[in-house]
Amino acid sequence: MKKGDLSLNLIIVAAILMVVFFVLILIFSGRMGIFTKSVDKCQGTCVKTTEECSGTYQKVVEGKCDLDGDSKFDEGMVVDGVCCIAVGG
């Protein structure tokens, strides 16, 4: 066995490992994207006005709801509503 043969085998194995590693990064980064999208949505109830957030509910920040159904969460309270979450009582 020559010294050059070992180096060529090592380079081939390293290249295969780098491709596998890259594919794993793509898979896991895609999963993280799905997780962050679900966190951005309202975890409570979407309502039209802050007055509807009463009783056991409390208003949280705007930009989490999509009452008009166009998949845009940044159109403001008048269009998208507000997110209300239940508070312990």
PDB file of N, CA and C in Angstrom:
ATOM      1  N   MET A   1       0.849  -1.168   0.000  1.00  0.00           N
ATOM      2  CA  MET A   1       0.000   0.000   0.000  1.00  0.00           C
ATOM      3  C   MET A   1       0.901   1.240   0.000  1.00  0.00           C
ATOM      4  N   LYS A   2       0.592   2.131  -0.932  1.00  0.00           N
ATOM      5  CA  LYS A   2       1.398   3.334  -1.065  1.00  0.00           C
ATOM      6  C   LYS A   2       0.842   4.456  -0.196  1.00  0.00           C
ATOM      7  N   LYS A   3       1.696   5.386   0.090  1.00  0.00           N
ATOM      8  CA  LYS A   3       1.311   6.523   0.935  1.00  0.00           C
ATOM      9  C   LYS A   3       0.207   7.350   0.284  1.00  0.00           C
ATOM     10  N   GLY A   4       0.198   7.509  -1.023  1.00  0.00           N
ATOM     11  CA  GLY A   4      -0.804   8.284  -1.745  1.00  0.00           C
ATOM     12  C   GLY A   4      -2.181   7.647  -1.714  1.00  0.00           C
ATOM     13  N   ASP A   5      -2.255   6.321  -1.676  1.00  0.00           N
ATOM     14  CA  ASP A   5      -3.542   5.629  -1.650  1.00  0.00           C
ATOM     15  C   ASP A   5      -4.315   5.926  -0.375  1.00  0.00           C
ATOM     16  N   LEU A   6      -3.633   5.970   0.724  1.00  0.00           N
ATOM     17  CA  LEU A   6      -4.291   6.267   1.991  1.00  0.00           C
ATOM     18  C   LEU A   6      -4.846   7.681   1.991  1.00  0.00           C
ATOM     19  N   SER A   7      -4.130   8.604   1.456  1.00  0.00           N
ATOM     20  CA  SER A   7      -4.601   9.986   1.404  1.00  0.00           C
ATOM     21  C   SER A   7      -5.821  10.124   0.509  1.00  0.00           C
ATOM     22  N   LEU A   8      -5.851   9.439  -0.632  1.00  0.00           N
ATOM     23  CA  LEU A   8      -6.995   9.498  -1.540  1.00  0.00           C
ATOM     24  C   LEU A   8      -8.235   8.906  -0.874  1.00  0.00           C
ATOM     25  N   ASN A   9      -8.073   7.775  -0.185  1.00  0.00           N
ATOM     26  CA  ASN A   9      -9.204   7.174   0.534  1.00  0.00           C
ATOM     27  C   ASN A   9      -9.712   8.104   1.631  1.00  0.00           C
ATOM     28  N   LEU A  10      -8.808   8.729   2.328  1.00  0.00           N
ATOM     29  CA  LEU A  10      -9.191   9.652   3.383  1.00  0.00           C
ATOM     30  C   LEU A  10      -9.957  10.850   2.828  1.00  0.00           C
ATOM     31  N   ILE A  11      -9.534  11.358   1.704  1.00  0.00           N
ATOM     32  CA  ILE A  11     -10.223  12.489   1.072  1.00  0.00           C
ATOM     33  C   ILE A  11     -11.623  12.089   0.631  1.00  0.00           C
ATOM     34  N   ILE A  12     -11.772  10.900   0.071  1.00  0.00           N
ATOM     35  CA  ILE A  12     -13.092  10.430  -0.379  1.00  0.00           C
ATOM     36  C   ILE A  12     -14.035  10.252   0.806  1.00  0.00           C
ATOM     37  N   VAL A  13     -13.558   9.646   1.872  1.00  0.00           N
ATOM     38  CA  VAL A  13     -14.389   9.459   3.070  1.00  0.00           C
ATOM     39  C   VAL A  13     -14.763  10.809   3.673  1.00  0.00           C
ATOM     40  N   ALA A  14     -13.822  11.729   3.735  1.00  0.00           N
ATOM     41  CA  ALA A  14     -14.107  13.057   4.278  1.00  0.00           C
ATOM     42  C   ALA A  14     -15.149  13.779   3.432  1.00  0.00           C
ATOM     43  N   ALA A  15     -15.072  13.644   2.109  1.00  0.00           N
ATOM     44  CA  ALA A  15     -16.043  14.282   1.224  1.00  0.00           C
ATOM     45  C   ALA A  15     -17.440  13.697   1.427  1.00  0.00           C
ATOM     46  N   ILE A  16     -17.533  12.394   1.567  1.00  0.00           N
ATOM     47  CA  ILE A  16     -18.833  11.746   1.807  1.00  0.00           C
ATOM     48  C   ILE A  16     -19.417  12.207   3.146  1.00  0.00           C
ATOM     49  N   LEU A  17     -18.572  12.279   4.173  1.00  0.00           N
ATOM     50  CA  LEU A  17     -19.039  12.733   5.488  1.00  0.00           C
ATOM     51  C   LEU A  17     -19.518  14.189   5.439  1.00  0.00           C
ATOM     52  N   MET A  18     -18.842  15.014   4.659  1.00  0.00           N
ATOM     53  CA  MET A  18     -19.261  16.411   4.539  1.00  0.00           C
ATOM     54  C   MET A  18     -20.626  16.518   3.850  1.00  0.00           C
ATOM     55  N   VAL A  19     -20.870  15.691   2.838  1.00  0.00           N
ATOM     56  CA  VAL A  19     -22.173  15.699   2.163  1.00  0.00           C
ATOM     57  C   VAL A  19     -23.261  15.247   3.127  1.00  0.00           C
ATOM     58  N   VAL A  20     -23.009  14.189   3.875  1.00  0.00           N
ATOM     59  CA  VAL A  20     -23.987  13.708   4.864  1.00  0.00           C
ATOM     60  C   VAL A  20     -24.253  14.783   5.912  1.00  0.00           C
ATOM     61  N   PHE A  21     -23.218  15.416   6.395  1.00  0.00           N
ATOM     62  CA  PHE A  21     -23.358  16.476   7.392  1.00  0.00           C
ATOM     63  C   PHE A  21     -24.185  17.635   6.837  1.00  0.00           C
ATOM     64  N   PHE A  22     -23.947  18.020   5.598  1.00  0.00           N
ATOM     65  CA  PHE A  22     -24.698  19.105   4.958  1.00  0.00           C
ATOM     66  C   PHE A  22     -26.173  18.752   4.833  1.00  0.00           C
ATOM     67  N   VAL A  23     -26.471  17.523   4.435  1.00  0.00           N
ATOM     68  CA  VAL A  23     -27.863  17.083   4.316  1.00  0.00           C
ATOM     69  C   VAL A  23     -28.546  17.106   5.676  1.00  0.00           C
ATOM     70  N   LEU A  24     -27.855  16.673   6.721  1.00  0.00           N
ATOM     71  CA  LEU A  24     -28.429  16.706   8.070  1.00  0.00           C
ATOM     72  C   LEU A  24     -28.721  18.138   8.514  1.00  0.00           C
ATOM     73  N   ILE A  25     -27.838  19.059   8.189  1.00  0.00           N
ATOM     74  CA  ILE A  25     -28.075  20.466   8.529  1.00  0.00           C
ATOM     75  C   ILE A  25     -29.318  20.975   7.825  1.00  0.00           C
ATOM     76  N   LEU A  26     -29.480  20.641   6.543  1.00  0.00           N
ATOM     77  CA  LEU A  26     -30.669  21.069   5.806  1.00  0.00           C
ATOM     78  C   LEU A  26     -31.948  20.494   6.409  1.00  0.00           C
ATOM     79  N   ILE A  27     -31.894  19.244   6.798  1.00  0.00           N
ATOM     80  CA  ILE A  27     -33.083  18.611   7.390  1.00  0.00           C
ATOM     81  C   ILE A  27     -33.462  19.290   8.702  1.00  0.00           C
ATOM     82  N   PHE A  28     -32.492  19.470   9.588  1.00  0.00           N
ATOM     83  CA  PHE A  28     -32.793  20.042  10.888  1.00  0.00           C
ATOM     84  C   PHE A  28     -33.108  21.529  10.822  1.00  0.00           C
ATOM     85  N   SER A  29     -32.511  22.253   9.913  1.00  0.00           N
ATOM     86  CA  SER A  29     -32.851  23.672   9.792  1.00  0.00           C
ATOM     87  C   SER A  29     -34.262  23.833   9.240  1.00  0.00           C
ATOM     88  N   GLY A  30     -34.699  22.932   8.392  1.00  0.00           N
ATOM     89  CA  GLY A  30     -36.073  22.956   7.906  1.00  0.00           C
ATOM     90  C   GLY A  30     -37.058  22.704   9.028  1.00  0.00           C
ATOM     91  N   ARG A  31     -36.727  21.797   9.911  1.00  0.00           N
ATOM     92  CA  ARG A  31     -37.598  21.509  11.061  1.00  0.00           C
ATOM     93  C   ARG A  31     -37.665  22.704  12.001  1.00  0.00           C
ATOM     94  N   MET A  32     -36.564  23.392  12.176  1.00  0.00           N
ATOM     95  CA  MET A  32     -36.569  24.570  13.040  1.00  0.00           C
ATOM     96  C   MET A  32     -37.436  25.671  12.439  1.00  0.00           C
ATOM     97  N   GLY A  33     -37.459  25.771  11.124  1.00  0.00           N
ATOM     98  CA  GLY A  33     -38.320  26.746  10.478  1.00  0.00           C
ATOM     99  C   GLY A  33     -39.783  26.475  10.761  1.00  0.00           C
ATOM    100  N   ILE A  34     -40.180  25.224  10.746  1.00  0.00           N
ATOM    101  CA  ILE A  34     -41.558  24.855  11.058  1.00  0.00           C
ATOM    102  C   ILE A  34     -41.877  25.210  12.501  1.00  0.00           C
ATOM    103  N   PHE A  35     -40.941  24.957  13.423  1.00  0.00           N
ATOM    104  CA  PHE A  35     -41.159  25.265  14.826  1.00  0.00           C
ATOM    105  C   PHE A  35     -41.340  26.760  15.050  1.00  0.00           C
ATOM    106  N   THR A  36     -40.535  27.587  14.421  1.00  0.00           N
ATOM    107  CA  THR A  36     -40.648  29.024  14.638  1.00  0.00           C
ATOM    108  C   THR A  36     -41.932  29.580  14.051  1.00  0.00           C
ATOM    109  N   LYS A  37     -42.418  29.009  12.976  1.00  0.00           N
ATOM    110  CA  LYS A  37     -43.691  29.472  12.422  1.00  0.00           C
ATOM    111  C   LYS A  37     -44.839  29.170  13.370  1.00  0.00           C
ATOM    112  N   SER A  38     -44.804  28.008  14.015  1.00  0.00           N
ATOM    113  CA  SER A  38     -45.891  27.683  14.930  1.00  0.00           C
ATOM    114  C   SER A  38     -45.840  28.537  16.188  1.00  0.00           C
ATOM    115  N   VAL A  39     -44.660  28.957  16.616  1.00  0.00           N
ATOM    116  CA  VAL A  39     -44.542  29.801  17.793  1.00  0.00           C
ATOM    117  C   VAL A  39     -45.075  31.204  17.506  1.00  0.00           C
ATOM    118  N   ASP A  40     -44.951  31.679  16.268  1.00  0.00           N
ATOM    119  CA  ASP A  40     -45.389  33.017  15.909  1.00  0.00           C
ATOM    120  C   ASP A  40     -46.906  33.165  15.906  1.00  0.00           C
ATOM    121  N   LYS A  41     -47.657  32.086  15.817  1.00  0.00           N
ATOM    122  CA  LYS A  41     -49.108  32.152  15.780  1.00  0.00           C
ATOM    123  C   LYS A  41     -49.669  32.309  17.191  1.00  0.00           C
ATOM    124  N   CYS A  42     -50.890  32.772  17.256  1.00  0.00           N
ATOM    125  CA  CYS A  42     -51.562  32.964  18.540  1.00  0.00           C
ATOM    126  C   CYS A  42     -51.763  31.622  19.233  1.00  0.00           C
ATOM    127  N   GLN A  43     -51.365  31.546  20.487  1.00  0.00           N
ATOM    128  CA  GLN A  43     -51.529  30.318  21.258  1.00  0.00           C
ATOM    129  C   GLN A  43     -52.816  30.328  22.076  1.00  0.00           C
ATOM    130  N   GLY A  44     -53.652  31.340  21.868  1.00  0.00           N
ATOM    131  CA  GLY A  44     -54.920  31.453  22.588  1.00  0.00           C
ATOM    132  C   GLY A  44     -56.078  31.552  21.616  1.00  0.00           C
ATOM    133  N   THR A  45     -56.870  32.620  21.756  1.00  0.00           N
ATOM    134  CA  THR A  45     -58.041  32.850  20.913  1.00  0.00           C
ATOM    135  C   THR A  45     -57.889  34.176  20.186  1.00  0.00           C
ATOM    136  N   CYS A  46     -58.135  34.184  18.887  1.00  0.00           N
ATOM    137  CA  CYS A  46     -58.104  35.427  18.112  1.00  0.00           C
ATOM    138  C   CYS A  46     -59.501  36.056  18.114  1.00  0.00           C
ATOM    139  N   VAL A  47     -59.557  37.330  18.488  1.00  0.00           N
ATOM    140  CA  VAL A  47     -60.824  38.062  18.511  1.00  0.00           C
ATOM    141  C   VAL A  47     -60.645  39.395  17.789  1.00  0.00           C
ATOM    142  N   LYS A  48     -61.789  40.039  17.451  1.00  0.00           N
ATOM    143  CA  LYS A  48     -61.722  41.272  16.665  1.00  0.00           C
ATOM    144  C   LYS A  48     -61.311  42.491  17.473  1.00  0.00           C
ATOM    145  N   THR A  49     -61.760  42.600  18.704  1.00  0.00           N
ATOM    146  CA  THR A  49     -61.483  43.798  19.495  1.00  0.00           C
ATOM    147  C   THR A  49     -60.925  43.429  20.867  1.00  0.00           C
ATOM    148  N   THR A  50     -60.288  44.401  21.496  1.00  0.00           N
ATOM    149  CA  THR A  50     -59.744  44.157  22.829  1.00  0.00           C
ATOM    150  C   THR A  50     -60.846  43.971  23.860  1.00  0.00           C
ATOM    151  N   GLU A  51     -62.045  44.500  23.586  1.00  0.00           N
ATOM    152  CA  GLU A  51     -63.158  44.330  24.525  1.00  0.00           C
ATOM    153  C   GLU A  51     -63.575  42.871  24.655  1.00  0.00           C
ATOM    154  N   GLU A  52     -63.322  42.092  23.621  1.00  0.00           N
ATOM    155  CA  GLU A  52     -63.671  40.671  23.672  1.00  0.00           C
ATOM    156  C   GLU A  52     -62.689  39.868  24.521  1.00  0.00           C
ATOM    157  N   CYS A  53     -61.571  40.478  24.880  1.00  0.00           N
ATOM    158  CA  CYS A  53     -60.586  39.840  25.769  1.00  0.00           C
ATOM    159  C   CYS A  53     -60.949  40.201  27.203  1.00  0.00           C
ATOM    160  N   SER A  54     -61.944  39.567  27.731  1.00  0.00           N
ATOM    161  CA  SER A  54     -62.374  39.894  29.088  1.00  0.00           C
ATOM    162  C   SER A  54     -62.589  38.612  29.876  1.00  0.00           C
ATOM    163  N   GLY A  55     -62.861  38.763  31.138  1.00  0.00           N
ATOM    164  CA  GLY A  55     -63.087  37.602  31.985  1.00  0.00           C
ATOM    165  C   GLY A  55     -61.799  36.852  32.245  1.00  0.00           C
ATOM    166  N   THR A  56     -61.699  35.629  31.752  1.00  0.00           N
ATOM    167  CA  THR A  56     -60.513  34.820  31.993  1.00  0.00           C
ATOM    168  C   THR A  56     -59.446  35.027  30.926  1.00  0.00           C
ATOM    169  N   TYR A  57     -59.641  35.998  30.045  1.00  0.00           N
ATOM    170  CA  TYR A  57     -58.676  36.222  28.972  1.00  0.00           C
ATOM    171  C   TYR A  57     -57.936  37.537  29.167  1.00  0.00           C
ATOM    172  N   GLN A  58     -56.769  37.615  28.594  1.00  0.00           N
ATOM    173  CA  GLN A  58     -55.959  38.816  28.663  1.00  0.00           C
ATOM    174  C   GLN A  58     -55.373  39.064  27.279  1.00  0.00           C
ATOM    175  N   LYS A  59     -55.373  40.317  26.841  1.00  0.00           N
ATOM    176  CA  LYS A  59     -54.829  40.650  25.530  1.00  0.00           C
ATOM    177  C   LYS A  59     -53.311  40.500  25.541  1.00  0.00           C
ATOM    178  N   VAL A  60     -52.787  39.920  24.465  1.00  0.00           N
ATOM    179  CA  VAL A  60     -51.336  39.870  24.275  1.00  0.00           C
ATOM    180  C   VAL A  60     -50.995  40.670  23.025  1.00  0.00           C
ATOM    181  N   VAL A  61     -49.750  40.715  22.652  1.00  0.00           N
ATOM    182  CA  VAL A  61     -49.301  41.575  21.562  1.00  0.00           C
ATOM    183  C   VAL A  61     -50.017  41.291  20.256  1.00  0.00           C
ATOM    184  N   GLU A  62     -50.193  42.345  19.465  1.00  0.00           N
ATOM    185  CA  GLU A  62     -50.784  42.202  18.143  1.00  0.00           C
ATOM    186  C   GLU A  62     -49.788  41.518  17.220  1.00  0.00           C
ATOM    187  N   GLY A  63     -50.261  41.106  16.068  1.00  0.00           N
ATOM    188  CA  GLY A  63     -49.385  40.484  15.088  1.00  0.00           C
ATOM    189  C   GLY A  63     -49.300  38.982  15.205  1.00  0.00           C
ATOM    190  N   LYS A  64     -50.185  38.383  15.986  1.00  0.00           N
ATOM    191  CA  LYS A  64     -50.191  36.929  16.134  1.00  0.00           C
ATOM    192  C   LYS A  64     -51.421  36.296  15.500  1.00  0.00           C
ATOM    193  N   CYS A  65     -52.407  37.100  15.136  1.00  0.00           N
ATOM    194  CA  CYS A  65     -53.665  36.576  14.604  1.00  0.00           C
ATOM    195  C   CYS A  65     -53.792  36.846  13.104  1.00  0.00           C
ATOM    196  N   ASP A  66     -54.730  36.127  12.484  1.00  0.00           N
ATOM    197  CA  ASP A  66     -55.011  36.281  11.064  1.00  0.00           C
ATOM    198  C   ASP A  66     -56.501  36.011  10.838  1.00  0.00           C
ATOM    199  N   LEU A  67     -57.347  36.909  11.336  1.00  0.00           N
ATOM    200  CA  LEU A  67     -58.785  36.687  11.231  1.00  0.00           C
ATOM    201  C   LEU A  67     -59.296  36.765   9.794  1.00  0.00           C
ATOM    202  N   ASP A  68     -58.612  37.515   8.923  1.00  0.00           N
ATOM    203  CA  ASP A  68     -59.084  37.602   7.538  1.00  0.00           C
ATOM    204  C   ASP A  68     -58.593  36.444   6.671  1.00  0.00           C
ATOM    205  N   GLY A  69     -57.725  35.595   7.194  1.00  0.00           N
ATOM    206  CA  GLY A  69     -57.336  34.364   6.520  1.00  0.00           C
ATOM    207  C   GLY A  69     -56.409  34.513   5.330  1.00  0.00           C
ATOM    208  N   ASP A  70     -55.645  35.600   5.243  1.00  0.00           N
ATOM    209  CA  ASP A  70     -54.747  35.783   4.103  1.00  0.00           C
ATOM    210  C   ASP A  70     -53.293  35.430   4.423  1.00  0.00           C
ATOM    211  N   SER A  71     -53.049  34.805   5.552  1.00  0.00           N
ATOM    212  CA  SER A  71     -51.715  34.373   6.001  1.00  0.00           C
ATOM    213  C   SER A  71     -50.754  35.526   6.246  1.00  0.00           C
ATOM    214  N   LYS A  72     -51.286  36.735   6.442  1.00  0.00           N
ATOM    215  CA  LYS A  72     -50.467  37.888   6.802  1.00  0.00           C
ATOM    216  C   LYS A  72     -50.838  38.279   8.227  1.00  0.00           C
ATOM    217  N   PHE A  73     -49.833  38.357   9.094  1.00  0.00           N
ATOM    218  CA  PHE A  73     -50.069  38.626  10.499  1.00  0.00           C
ATOM    219  C   PHE A  73     -49.724  40.063  10.886  1.00  0.00           C
ATOM    220  N   ASP A  74     -49.440  40.915   9.907  1.00  0.00           N
ATOM    221  CA  ASP A  74     -48.949  42.254  10.215  1.00  0.00           C
ATOM    222  C   ASP A  74     -49.853  43.367   9.699  1.00  0.00           C
ATOM    223  N   GLU A  75     -51.135  43.097   9.563  1.00  0.00           N
ATOM    224  CA  GLU A  75     -52.050  44.092   8.993  1.00  0.00           C
ATOM    225  C   GLU A  75     -52.756  44.935  10.044  1.00  0.00           C
ATOM    226  N   GLY A  76     -52.451  44.717  11.293  1.00  0.00           N
ATOM    227  CA  GLY A  76     -53.019  45.524  12.357  1.00  0.00           C
ATOM    228  C   GLY A  76     -54.253  44.914  12.985  1.00  0.00           C
ATOM    229  N   MET A  77     -54.632  45.488  14.129  1.00  0.00           N
ATOM    230  CA  MET A  77     -55.737  44.955  14.915  1.00  0.00           C
ATOM    231  C   MET A  77     -57.070  45.015  14.174  1.00  0.00           C
ATOM    232  N   VAL A  78     -57.301  46.057  13.382  1.00  0.00           N
ATOM    233  CA  VAL A  78     -58.582  46.205  12.693  1.00  0.00           C
ATOM    234  C   VAL A  78     -58.807  45.062  11.712  1.00  0.00           C
ATOM    235  N   VAL A  79     -57.760  44.612  11.042  1.00  0.00           N
ATOM    236  CA  VAL A  79     -57.885  43.556  10.040  1.00  0.00           C
ATOM    237  C   VAL A  79     -57.673  42.170  10.649  1.00  0.00           C
ATOM    238  N   ASP A  80     -56.604  42.004  11.415  1.00  0.00           N
ATOM    239  CA  ASP A  80     -56.224  40.680  11.915  1.00  0.00           C
ATOM    240  C   ASP A  80     -56.716  40.358  13.319  1.00  0.00           C
ATOM    241  N   GLY A  81     -57.148  41.344  14.074  1.00  0.00           N
ATOM    242  CA  GLY A  81     -57.607  41.110  15.432  1.00  0.00           C
ATOM    243  C   GLY A  81     -56.469  41.056  16.429  1.00  0.00           C
ATOM    244  N   VAL A  82     -56.792  40.623  17.627  1.00  0.00           N
ATOM    245  CA  VAL A  82     -55.792  40.500  18.691  1.00  0.00           C
ATOM    246  C   VAL A  82     -55.837  39.087  19.251  1.00  0.00           C
ATOM    247  N   CYS A  83     -54.744  38.698  19.860  1.00  0.00           N
ATOM    248  CA  CYS A  83     -54.624  37.370  20.444  1.00  0.00           C
ATOM    249  C   CYS A  83     -54.895  37.451  21.942  1.00  0.00           C
ATOM    250  N   CYS A  84     -55.820  36.635  22.427  1.00  0.00           N
ATOM    251  CA  CYS A  84     -56.144  36.596  23.848  1.00  0.00           C
ATOM    252  C   CYS A  84     -55.763  35.215  24.386  1.00  0.00           C
ATOM    253  N   ILE A  85     -55.086  35.214  25.511  1.00  0.00           N
ATOM    254  CA  ILE A  85     -54.747  33.952  26.150  1.00  0.00           C
ATOM    255  C   ILE A  85     -55.400  33.885  27.527  1.00  0.00           C
ATOM    256  N   ALA A  86     -55.703  32.698  27.960  1.00  0.00           N
ATOM    257  CA  ALA A  86     -56.306  32.504  29.281  1.00  0.00           C
ATOM    258  C   ALA A  86     -55.253  32.712  30.352  1.00  0.00           C
ATOM    259  N   VAL A  87     -55.647  33.379  31.426  1.00  0.00           N
ATOM    260  CA  VAL A  87     -54.762  33.546  32.566  1.00  0.00           C
ATOM    261  C   VAL A  87     -55.306  32.737  33.713  1.00  0.00           C
ATOM    262  N   GLY A  88     -54.406  32.266  34.557  1.00  0.00           N
ATOM    263  CA  GLY A  88     -54.820  31.426  35.684  1.00  0.00           C
ATOM    264  C   GLY A  88     -55.725  32.186  36.663  1.00  0.00           C
ATOM    265  N   GLY A  89     -56.640  31.468  37.212  1.00  0.00           N
ATOM    266  CA  GLY A  89     -57.563  32.138  38.130  1.00  0.00           C
ATOM    267  C   GLY A  89     -57.955  31.295  39.283  1.00  0.00           C
TER     268      GLY A  89
END
